Amino acid sequence: MTCASGNPSRLNDAELTDLGLSHKLPTTIEQSMDALDGDTELRDAIGPHVVDHYLAMKRAEQDMLNAMSEGERRVWLMDRY
């Protein structure tokens, strides 16, 4: 089975498994940070201190963003990124 001409997001679990796709990418920043935190191979490749510092910074940034209104958050993100 191939999905070259279709939308892979519409495949069911069996079709995804047939294609060797067993894990979906994180959909939130929190899920992404948790995935990075738990990925021992990537931690070893990058360096645990680098990962720990990056996650601390991103978590602090997310706490700050969560305290902002949607408009403030939009302006801050557009100015920064």
PDB file of N, CA and C in Angstrom:
ATOM      1  N   MET A   1       0.839  -1.182   0.000  1.00  0.00           N
ATOM      2  CA  MET A   1       0.000   0.000   0.000  1.00  0.00           C
ATOM      3  C   MET A   1       0.882   1.243   0.000  1.00  0.00           C
ATOM      4  N   THR A   2       0.516   2.206  -0.796  1.00  0.00           N
ATOM      5  CA  THR A   2       1.227   3.478  -0.803  1.00  0.00           C
ATOM      6  C   THR A   2       0.222   4.592  -0.634  1.00  0.00           C
ATOM      7  N   CYS A   3       0.687   5.722  -0.191  1.00  0.00           N
ATOM      8  CA  CYS A   3      -0.191   6.882  -0.021  1.00  0.00           C
ATOM      9  C   CYS A   3       0.335   8.053  -0.845  1.00  0.00           C
ATOM     10  N   ALA A   4       1.118   7.762  -1.874  1.00  0.00           N
ATOM     11  CA  ALA A   4       1.727   8.819  -2.671  1.00  0.00           C
ATOM     12  C   ALA A   4       0.687   9.746  -3.286  1.00  0.00           C
ATOM     13  N   SER A   5      -0.466   9.204  -3.622  1.00  0.00           N
ATOM     14  CA  SER A   5      -1.468  10.057  -4.254  1.00  0.00           C
ATOM     15  C   SER A   5      -2.589  10.432  -3.294  1.00  0.00           C
ATOM     16  N   GLY A   6      -2.493  10.000  -2.044  1.00  0.00           N
ATOM     17  CA  GLY A   6      -3.539  10.286  -1.075  1.00  0.00           C
ATOM     18  C   GLY A   6      -3.041  11.125   0.076  1.00  0.00           C
ATOM     19  N   ASN A   7      -3.930  11.352   1.004  1.00  0.00           N
ATOM     20  CA  ASN A   7      -3.625  12.139   2.184  1.00  0.00           C
ATOM     21  C   ASN A   7      -3.259  11.188   3.324  1.00  0.00           C
ATOM     22  N   PRO A   8      -1.994  11.167   3.747  1.00  0.00           N
ATOM     23  CA  PRO A   8      -1.589  10.213   4.786  1.00  0.00           C
ATOM     24  C   PRO A   8      -2.281  10.445   6.128  1.00  0.00           C
ATOM     25  N   SER A   9      -2.797  11.638   6.364  1.00  0.00           N
ATOM     26  CA  SER A   9      -3.481  11.894   7.627  1.00  0.00           C
ATOM     27  C   SER A   9      -4.816  11.160   7.705  1.00  0.00           C
ATOM     28  N   ARG A  10      -5.277  10.625   6.580  1.00  0.00           N
ATOM     29  CA  ARG A  10      -6.555   9.906   6.557  1.00  0.00           C
ATOM     30  C   ARG A  10      -6.384   8.389   6.663  1.00  0.00           C
ATOM     31  N   LEU A  11      -5.141   7.932   6.803  1.00  0.00           N
ATOM     32  CA  LEU A  11      -4.907   6.501   6.935  1.00  0.00           C
ATOM     33  C   LEU A  11      -5.314   6.025   8.328  1.00  0.00           C
ATOM     34  N   ASN A  12      -5.868   4.812   8.390  1.00  0.00           N
ATOM     35  CA  ASN A  12      -6.211   4.254   9.699  1.00  0.00           C
ATOM     36  C   ASN A  12      -4.969   3.618  10.317  1.00  0.00           C
ATOM     37  N   ASP A  13      -5.102   3.152  11.551  1.00  0.00           N
ATOM     38  CA  ASP A  13      -3.951   2.606  12.275  1.00  0.00           C
ATOM     39  C   ASP A  13      -3.318   1.421  11.549  1.00  0.00           C
ATOM     40  N   ALA A  14      -4.128   0.542  10.982  1.00  0.00           N
ATOM     41  CA  ALA A  14      -3.595  -0.627  10.273  1.00  0.00           C
ATOM     42  C   ALA A  14      -2.803  -0.198   9.045  1.00  0.00           C
ATOM     43  N   GLU A  15      -3.308   0.785   8.319  1.00  0.00           N
ATOM     44  CA  GLU A  15      -2.602   1.276   7.134  1.00  0.00           C
ATOM     45  C   GLU A  15      -1.285   1.947   7.523  1.00  0.00           C
ATOM     46  N   LEU A  16      -1.300   2.701   8.608  1.00  0.00           N
ATOM     47  CA  LEU A  16      -0.072   3.329   9.083  1.00  0.00           C
ATOM     48  C   LEU A  16       0.953   2.278   9.490  1.00  0.00           C
ATOM     49  N   THR A  17       0.496   1.243  10.184  1.00  0.00           N
ATOM     50  CA  THR A  17       1.387   0.164  10.600  1.00  0.00           C
ATOM     51  C   THR A  17       1.968  -0.551   9.390  1.00  0.00           C
ATOM     52  N   ASP A  18       1.142  -0.789   8.370  1.00  0.00           N
ATOM     53  CA  ASP A  18       1.620  -1.437   7.139  1.00  0.00           C
ATOM     54  C   ASP A  18       2.743  -0.632   6.491  1.00  0.00           C
ATOM     55  N   LEU A  19       2.703   0.676   6.649  1.00  0.00           N
ATOM     56  CA  LEU A  19       3.731   1.546   6.077  1.00  0.00           C
ATOM     57  C   LEU A  19       4.921   1.729   7.022  1.00  0.00           C
ATOM     58  N   GLY A  20       4.862   1.079   8.177  1.00  0.00           N
ATOM     59  CA  GLY A  20       5.962   1.187   9.139  1.00  0.00           C
ATOM     60  C   GLY A  20       5.923   2.455   9.962  1.00  0.00           C
ATOM     61  N   LEU A  21       4.771   3.091  10.022  1.00  0.00           N
ATOM     62  CA  LEU A  21       4.622   4.342  10.781  1.00  0.00           C
ATOM     63  C   LEU A  21       3.899   4.031  12.081  1.00  0.00           C
ATOM     64  N   SER A  22       4.660   3.976  13.159  1.00  0.00           N
ATOM     65  CA  SER A  22       4.063   3.595  14.438  1.00  0.00           C
ATOM     66  C   SER A  22       3.931   4.768  15.407  1.00  0.00           C
ATOM     67  N   HIS A  23       4.631   5.852  15.163  1.00  0.00           N
ATOM     68  CA  HIS A  23       4.574   7.004  16.065  1.00  0.00           C
ATOM     69  C   HIS A  23       4.236   8.261  15.272  1.00  0.00           C
ATOM     70  N   LYS A  24       3.335   9.037  15.833  1.00  0.00           N
ATOM     71  CA  LYS A  24       3.002  10.329  15.229  1.00  0.00           C
ATOM     72  C   LYS A  24       3.865  11.413  15.870  1.00  0.00           C
ATOM     73  N   LEU A  25       4.103  12.462  15.118  1.00  0.00           N
ATOM     74  CA  LEU A  25       4.847  13.596  15.657  1.00  0.00           C
ATOM     75  C   LEU A  25       4.012  14.311  16.712  1.00  0.00           C
ATOM     76  N   PRO A  26       4.650  14.937  17.681  1.00  0.00           N
ATOM     77  CA  PRO A  26       3.910  15.701  18.687  1.00  0.00           C
ATOM     78  C   PRO A  26       3.111  16.822  18.020  1.00  0.00           C
ATOM     79  N   THR A  27       1.985  17.159  18.627  1.00  0.00           N
ATOM     80  CA  THR A  27       1.142  18.220  18.072  1.00  0.00           C
ATOM     81  C   THR A  27       1.133  19.485  18.921  1.00  0.00           C
ATOM     82  N   THR A  28       1.764  19.446  20.092  1.00  0.00           N
ATOM     83  CA  THR A  28       1.840  20.630  20.941  1.00  0.00           C
ATOM     84  C   THR A  28       3.286  20.830  21.382  1.00  0.00           C
ATOM     85  N   ILE A  29       3.588  22.024  21.838  1.00  0.00           N
ATOM     86  CA  ILE A  29       4.935  22.307  22.340  1.00  0.00           C
ATOM     87  C   ILE A  29       5.215  21.460  23.581  1.00  0.00           C
ATOM     88  N   GLU A  30       4.199  21.248  24.409  1.00  0.00           N
ATOM     89  CA  GLU A  30       4.388  20.431  25.603  1.00  0.00           C
ATOM     90  C   GLU A  30       4.735  18.993  25.234  1.00  0.00           C
ATOM     91  N   GLN A  31       4.013  18.426  24.269  1.00  0.00           N
ATOM     92  CA  GLN A  31       4.316  17.068  23.802  1.00  0.00           C
ATOM     93  C   GLN A  31       5.716  17.007  23.197  1.00  0.00           C
ATOM     94  N   SER A  32       6.087  18.032  22.471  1.00  0.00           N
ATOM     95  CA  SER A  32       7.418  18.074  21.858  1.00  0.00           C
ATOM     96  C   SER A  32       8.512  18.103  22.911  1.00  0.00           C
ATOM     97  N   MET A  33       8.315  18.927  23.934  1.00  0.00           N
ATOM     98  CA  MET A  33       9.324  19.007  25.000  1.00  0.00           C
ATOM     99  C   MET A  33       9.411  17.695  25.768  1.00  0.00           C
ATOM    100  N   ASP A  34       8.266  17.069  26.033  1.00  0.00           N
ATOM    101  CA  ASP A  34       8.271  15.784  26.726  1.00  0.00           C
ATOM    102  C   ASP A  34       8.970  14.714  25.887  1.00  0.00           C
ATOM    103  N   ALA A  35       8.727  14.734  24.573  1.00  0.00           N
ATOM    104  CA  ALA A  35       9.382  13.763  23.691  1.00  0.00           C
ATOM    105  C   ALA A  35      10.893  13.957  23.688  1.00  0.00           C
ATOM    106  N   LEU A  36      11.340  15.196  23.613  1.00  0.00           N
ATOM    107  CA  LEU A  36      12.773  15.477  23.660  1.00  0.00           C
ATOM    108  C   LEU A  36      13.360  15.052  24.997  1.00  0.00           C
ATOM    109  N   ASP A  37      12.661  15.365  26.066  1.00  0.00           N
ATOM    110  CA  ASP A  37      13.139  15.031  27.407  1.00  0.00           C
ATOM    111  C   ASP A  37      13.317  13.519  27.572  1.00  0.00           C
ATOM    112  N   GLY A  38      12.454  12.743  26.939  1.00  0.00           N
ATOM    113  CA  GLY A  38      12.502  11.296  27.092  1.00  0.00           C
ATOM    114  C   GLY A  38      13.300  10.551  26.039  1.00  0.00           C
ATOM    115  N   ASP A  39      13.866  11.257  25.081  1.00  0.00           N
ATOM    116  CA  ASP A  39      14.606  10.609  23.993  1.00  0.00           C
ATOM    117  C   ASP A  39      16.075  10.464  24.380  1.00  0.00           C
ATOM    118  N   THR A  40      16.428   9.301  24.904  1.00  0.00           N
ATOM    119  CA  THR A  40      17.794   9.115  25.412  1.00  0.00           C
ATOM    120  C   THR A  40      18.835   9.155  24.298  1.00  0.00           C
ATOM    121  N   GLU A  41      18.500   8.651  23.130  1.00  0.00           N
ATOM    122  CA  GLU A  41      19.471   8.680  22.027  1.00  0.00           C
ATOM    123  C   GLU A  41      19.771  10.109  21.594  1.00  0.00           C
ATOM    124  N   LEU A  42      18.743  10.920  21.452  1.00  0.00           N
ATOM    125  CA  LEU A  42      18.951  12.309  21.049  1.00  0.00           C
ATOM    126  C   LEU A  42      19.659  13.092  22.154  1.00  0.00           C
ATOM    127  N   ARG A  43      19.296  12.826  23.413  1.00  0.00           N
ATOM    128  CA  ARG A  43      19.973  13.480  24.539  1.00  0.00           C
ATOM    129  C   ARG A  43      21.469  13.193  24.505  1.00  0.00           C
ATOM    130  N   ASP A  44      21.802  11.916  24.253  1.00  0.00           N
ATOM    131  CA  ASP A  44      23.218  11.533  24.199  1.00  0.00           C
ATOM    132  C   ASP A  44      23.917  12.196  23.016  1.00  0.00           C
ATOM    133  N   ALA A  45      23.221  12.290  21.874  1.00  0.00           N
ATOM    134  CA  ALA A  45      23.827  12.868  20.672  1.00  0.00           C
ATOM    135  C   ALA A  45      24.066  14.368  20.834  1.00  0.00           C
ATOM    136  N   ILE A  46      23.093  15.063  21.402  1.00  0.00           N
ATOM    137  CA  ILE A  46      23.201  16.518  21.567  1.00  0.00           C
ATOM    138  C   ILE A  46      24.000  16.870  22.813  1.00  0.00           C
ATOM    139  N   GLY A  47      23.812  16.083  23.829  1.00  0.00           N
ATOM    140  CA  GLY A  47      24.430  16.348  25.127  1.00  0.00           C
ATOM    141  C   GLY A  47      23.347  16.659  26.136  1.00  0.00           C
ATOM    142  N   PRO A  48      23.318  15.924  27.238  1.00  0.00           N
ATOM    143  CA  PRO A  48      22.244  16.111  28.214  1.00  0.00           C
ATOM    144  C   PRO A  48      22.172  17.524  28.792  1.00  0.00           C
ATOM    145  N   HIS A  49      23.313  18.179  28.961  1.00  0.00           N
ATOM    146  CA  HIS A  49      23.291  19.543  29.514  1.00  0.00           C
ATOM    147  C   HIS A  49      22.648  20.518  28.531  1.00  0.00           C
ATOM    148  N   VAL A  50      22.930  20.324  27.248  1.00  0.00           N
ATOM    149  CA  VAL A  50      22.323  21.194  26.235  1.00  0.00           C
ATOM    150  C   VAL A  50      20.807  21.005  26.227  1.00  0.00           C
ATOM    151  N   VAL A  51      20.367  19.755  26.245  1.00  0.00           N
ATOM    152  CA  VAL A  51      18.931  19.464  26.244  1.00  0.00           C
ATOM    153  C   VAL A  51      18.270  20.036  27.498  1.00  0.00           C
ATOM    154  N   ASP A  52      18.884  19.831  28.652  1.00  0.00           N
ATOM    155  CA  ASP A  52      18.309  20.343  29.899  1.00  0.00           C
ATOM    156  C   ASP A  52      18.178  21.868  29.887  1.00  0.00           C
ATOM    157  N   HIS A  53      19.205  22.552  29.409  1.00  0.00           N
ATOM    158  CA  HIS A  53      19.154  24.025  29.341  1.00  0.00           C
ATOM    159  C   HIS A  53      18.106  24.493  28.327  1.00  0.00           C
ATOM    160  N   TYR A  54      18.047  23.825  27.184  1.00  0.00           N
ATOM    161  CA  TYR A  54      17.064  24.182  26.159  1.00  0.00           C
ATOM    162  C   TYR A  54      15.644  23.995  26.698  1.00  0.00           C
ATOM    163  N   LEU A  55      15.397  22.857  27.328  1.00  0.00           N
ATOM    164  CA  LEU A  55      14.056  22.598  27.858  1.00  0.00           C
ATOM    165  C   LEU A  55      13.687  23.576  28.963  1.00  0.00           C
ATOM    166  N   ALA A  56      14.617  23.920  29.813  1.00  0.00           N
ATOM    167  CA  ALA A  56      14.337  24.902  30.869  1.00  0.00           C
ATOM    168  C   ALA A  56      13.962  26.250  30.268  1.00  0.00           C
ATOM    169  N   MET A  57      14.689  26.659  29.237  1.00  0.00           N
ATOM    170  CA  MET A  57      14.396  27.935  28.578  1.00  0.00           C
ATOM    171  C   MET A  57      13.029  27.885  27.881  1.00  0.00           C
ATOM    172  N   LYS A  58      12.747  26.797  27.160  1.00  0.00           N
ATOM    173  CA  LYS A  58      11.469  26.697  26.445  1.00  0.00           C
ATOM    174  C   LYS A  58      10.294  26.607  27.415  1.00  0.00           C
ATOM    175  N   ARG A  59      10.472  25.922  28.539  1.00  0.00           N
ATOM    176  CA  ARG A  59       9.385  25.830  29.518  1.00  0.00           C
ATOM    177  C   ARG A  59       9.123  27.189  30.166  1.00  0.00           C
ATOM    178  N   ALA A  60      10.180  27.925  30.465  1.00  0.00           N
ATOM    179  CA  ALA A  60      10.012  29.276  31.024  1.00  0.00           C
ATOM    180  C   ALA A  60       9.336  30.182  30.006  1.00  0.00           C
ATOM    181  N   GLU A  61       9.756  30.079  28.750  1.00  0.00           N
ATOM    182  CA  GLU A  61       9.132  30.866  27.685  1.00  0.00           C
ATOM    183  C   GLU A  61       7.656  30.513  27.553  1.00  0.00           C
ATOM    184  N   GLN A  62       7.328  29.229  27.617  1.00  0.00           N
ATOM    185  CA  GLN A  62       5.930  28.813  27.488  1.00  0.00           C
ATOM    186  C   GLN A  62       5.104  29.307  28.664  1.00  0.00           C
ATOM    187  N   ASP A  63       5.650  29.282  29.863  1.00  0.00           N
ATOM    188  CA  ASP A  63       4.942  29.823  31.028  1.00  0.00           C
ATOM    189  C   ASP A  63       4.648  31.311  30.835  1.00  0.00           C
ATOM    190  N   MET A  64       5.624  32.045  30.313  1.00  0.00           N
ATOM    191  CA  MET A  64       5.445  33.471  30.059  1.00  0.00           C
ATOM    192  C   MET A  64       4.349  33.688  29.007  1.00  0.00           C
ATOM    193  N   LEU A  65       4.394  32.909  27.933  1.00  0.00           N
ATOM    194  CA  LEU A  65       3.404  33.049  26.873  1.00  0.00           C
ATOM    195  C   LEU A  65       2.001  32.688  27.356  1.00  0.00           C
ATOM    196  N   ASN A  66       1.901  31.676  28.190  1.00  0.00           N
ATOM    197  CA  ASN A  66       0.592  31.266  28.715  1.00  0.00           C
ATOM    198  C   ASN A  66      -0.032  32.346  29.582  1.00  0.00           C
ATOM    199  N   ALA A  67       0.785  33.209  30.178  1.00  0.00           N
ATOM    200  CA  ALA A  67       0.275  34.285  31.029  1.00  0.00           C
ATOM    201  C   ALA A  67      -0.182  35.499  30.217  1.00  0.00           C
ATOM    202  N   MET A  68       0.134  35.531  28.929  1.00  0.00           N
ATOM    203  CA  MET A  68      -0.213  36.668  28.072  1.00  0.00           C
ATOM    204  C   MET A  68      -1.586  36.481  27.436  1.00  0.00           C
ATOM    205  N   SER A  69      -2.183  37.592  27.040  1.00  0.00           N
ATOM    206  CA  SER A  69      -3.398  37.514  26.234  1.00  0.00           C
ATOM    207  C   SER A  69      -3.016  37.040  24.837  1.00  0.00           C
ATOM    208  N   GLU A  70      -4.001  36.624  24.074  1.00  0.00           N
ATOM    209  CA  GLU A  70      -3.720  36.146  22.720  1.00  0.00           C
ATOM    210  C   GLU A  70      -3.052  37.230  21.868  1.00  0.00           C
ATOM    211  N   GLY A  71      -3.507  38.468  22.007  1.00  0.00           N
ATOM    212  CA  GLY A  71      -2.916  39.565  21.238  1.00  0.00           C
ATOM    213  C   GLY A  71      -1.477  39.839  21.628  1.00  0.00           C
ATOM    214  N   GLU A  72      -1.212  39.858  22.928  1.00  0.00           N
ATOM    215  CA  GLU A  72       0.158  40.070  23.399  1.00  0.00           C
ATOM    216  C   GLU A  72       1.076  38.940  22.925  1.00  0.00           C
ATOM    217  N   ARG A  73       0.561  37.715  23.006  1.00  0.00           N
ATOM    218  CA  ARG A  73       1.335  36.551  22.596  1.00  0.00           C
ATOM    219  C   ARG A  73       1.680  36.634  21.108  1.00  0.00           C
ATOM    220  N   ARG A  74       0.704  37.015  20.300  1.00  0.00           N
ATOM    221  CA  ARG A  74       0.917  37.132  18.849  1.00  0.00           C
ATOM    222  C   ARG A  74       2.002  38.165  18.543  1.00  0.00           C
ATOM    223  N   VAL A  75       1.922  39.328  19.176  1.00  0.00           N
ATOM    224  CA  VAL A  75       2.913  40.386  18.948  1.00  0.00           C
ATOM    225  C   VAL A  75       4.295  39.923  19.386  1.00  0.00           C
ATOM    226  N   TRP A  76       4.382  39.315  20.570  1.00  0.00           N
ATOM    227  CA  TRP A  76       5.677  38.856  21.078  1.00  0.00           C
ATOM    228  C   TRP A  76       6.288  37.827  20.135  1.00  0.00           C
ATOM    229  N   LEU A  77       5.486  36.876  19.687  1.00  0.00           N
ATOM    230  CA  LEU A  77       5.998  35.820  18.796  1.00  0.00           C
ATOM    231  C   LEU A  77       6.415  36.380  17.438  1.00  0.00           C
ATOM    232  N   MET A  78       5.630  37.313  16.894  1.00  0.00           N
ATOM    233  CA  MET A  78       5.990  37.891  15.593  1.00  0.00           C
ATOM    234  C   MET A  78       7.244  38.743  15.704  1.00  0.00           C
ATOM    235  N   ASP A  79       7.409  39.473  16.795  1.00  0.00           N
ATOM    236  CA  ASP A  79       8.622  40.262  16.999  1.00  0.00           C
ATOM    237  C   ASP A  79       9.853  39.367  17.142  1.00  0.00           C
ATOM    238  N   ARG A  80       9.686  38.268  17.831  1.00  0.00           N
ATOM    239  CA  ARG A  80      10.816  37.397  18.135  1.00  0.00           C
ATOM    240  C   ARG A  80      11.162  36.472  16.989  1.00  0.00           C
ATOM    241  N   TYR A  81      10.174  35.898  16.356  1.00  0.00           N
ATOM    242  CA  TYR A  81      10.429  34.874  15.341  1.00  0.00           C
ATOM    243  C   TYR A  81      10.060  35.359  13.954  1.00  0.00           C
TER     244      TYR A  81
END
